[in-house]
Each structure stands twice: as C-alpha cells, then as structure tokens.
Amino acid sequence: MAIWLIVFFLRPKTNSPVADFDYDAGFDDNTLGEVTFKNLSKDFNRSFWDFGDNSTSDQENPTHEYDINRNVTVTLIVYNDNDGIYTC
C-alpha cells in the first residue's frame, strides 16, 4: 500500500509594484541645490534610489543635494514582498 503526501505552500497573492516618482527642485534646472523626491510607486515595501552622481538612498522620499551642474539620470527601484524588482 502506498501513501502519497502532497503539500501545497500557498503564498498570498501580491500585486507587482509599479515604480513612479516626482521631484521638486525649487530652482531652475541649471542651478545646483537640494532636490526633494517623492515616491509615487504602488504596491511596494522597499525602495532604492540612485541619484546619478554616485550617491544612493533607501529612504522612501529622500532629499538630495546636488553639487554638480550637469544632467543626471535618477533611477528608482522598488521591491515587493516577493522580492520582485521594478525600475523607473
């Protein structure tokens, strides 16, 4: 006689995060200074910012001081409970 044991591990369904952000520089694009970033992402529990000048942050809504006068690319990466990674 054979006995089969089948076990299912169900994880709660979570939505995939959607990365989005906005910023307020408080000055024109050609001036150095402080920039406040607002994380507008959905369905995330952790975030990582790359400010494009070799500086990073894991705060949800960071403020960053730029001391360079050039164009930079800011990247926001958000994670969900299942460690899904989504970039904006």
Protein backbone atom coordinates (compact mmCIF):
# COMPACT_ATOMS: atom_id res chain seq x y z
CA MET A 1 0.00 0.00 0.00
CA ALA A 2 1.43 3.38 -0.99
CA ILE A 3 0.57 6.60 0.73
CA TRP A 4 1.14 9.82 -1.13
CA LEU A 5 1.51 13.05 0.71
CA ILE A 6 1.01 16.16 -1.35
CA VAL A 7 1.67 19.50 0.28
CA PHE A 8 0.90 22.86 -1.28
CA PHE A 9 2.51 26.01 0.02
CA LEU A 10 0.36 28.93 -0.93
CA ARG A 11 1.74 32.41 -0.74
CA PRO A 12 -0.66 35.32 -0.55
CA LYS A 13 -1.10 36.97 -3.90
CA THR A 14 0.54 40.37 -4.06
CA ASN A 15 0.38 42.87 -6.84
CA SER A 16 3.52 43.64 -8.76
CA PRO A 17 4.92 47.01 -7.76
CA VAL A 18 4.79 49.90 -10.18
CA ALA A 19 7.71 52.37 -9.90
CA ASP A 20 6.97 56.07 -10.28
CA PHE A 21 8.28 59.30 -8.76
CA ASP A 22 8.19 63.07 -8.93
CA TYR A 23 10.61 65.72 -7.72
CA ASP A 24 10.71 69.32 -6.63
CA ALA A 25 13.94 71.18 -7.22
CA GLY A 26 12.80 74.60 -6.05
CA PHE A 27 15.16 76.15 -8.58
CA ASP A 28 15.72 76.06 -12.32
CA ASP A 29 17.46 73.11 -13.99
CA ASN A 30 20.78 74.95 -14.36
CA THR A 31 21.26 75.71 -10.64
CA LEU A 32 22.85 73.46 -8.03
CA GLY A 33 20.95 72.69 -4.86
CA GLU A 34 18.60 70.48 -2.90
CA VAL A 35 16.05 68.27 -4.63
CA THR A 36 13.14 66.56 -2.83
CA PHE A 37 11.99 63.29 -4.39
CA LYS A 38 8.50 61.88 -3.85
CA ASN A 39 7.98 58.16 -4.34
CA LEU A 40 4.64 57.66 -6.12
CA SER A 41 5.11 53.90 -6.59
CA LYS A 42 2.34 51.40 -5.91
CA ASP A 43 2.42 48.02 -4.14
CA PHE A 44 5.99 48.16 -2.82
CA ASN A 45 7.63 47.76 0.56
CA ARG A 46 11.23 48.82 -0.12
CA SER A 47 12.84 51.30 -2.45
CA PHE A 48 16.32 52.17 -3.66
CA TRP A 49 17.34 55.46 -5.29
CA ASP A 50 20.36 56.12 -7.50
CA PHE A 51 20.76 59.89 -7.87
CA GLY A 52 23.05 59.71 -10.90
CA ASP A 53 26.05 61.27 -9.15
CA ASN A 54 27.41 58.20 -7.31
CA SER A 55 25.00 58.78 -4.39
CA THR A 56 22.20 56.43 -3.34
CA SER A 57 19.46 56.17 -0.72
CA ASP A 58 16.99 53.61 0.59
CA GLN A 59 14.64 56.23 2.07
CA GLU A 60 11.11 56.28 0.70
CA ASN A 61 11.04 60.05 -0.02
CA PRO A 62 14.63 61.31 0.09
CA THR A 63 16.13 64.75 -0.26
CA HIS A 64 19.41 65.04 -2.16
CA GLU A 65 21.88 67.89 -2.53
CA TYR A 66 23.45 68.15 -5.98
CA ASP A 67 26.88 69.73 -6.22
CA ILE A 68 27.34 69.14 -9.94
CA ASN A 69 25.97 71.21 -12.78
CA ARG A 70 25.14 68.64 -15.44
CA ASN A 71 22.29 66.41 -16.48
CA VAL A 72 21.84 63.32 -14.32
CA THR A 73 19.63 60.26 -14.63
CA VAL A 74 17.82 59.40 -11.40
CA THR A 75 16.73 55.78 -11.02
CA LEU A 76 14.15 54.47 -8.57
CA ILE A 77 13.96 50.71 -7.95
CA VAL A 78 11.05 49.36 -5.90
CA TYR A 79 10.61 45.90 -4.40
CA ASN A 80 7.57 43.98 -3.24
CA ASP A 81 7.28 41.29 -0.53
CA ASN A 82 8.15 38.63 -3.07
CA ASP A 83 11.41 40.47 -3.94
CA GLY A 84 10.14 41.48 -7.34
CA ILE A 85 12.21 44.32 -8.75
CA TYR A 86 10.77 47.10 -10.90
CA THR A 87 12.64 50.14 -12.15
CA CYS A 88 11.51 53.63 -13.11
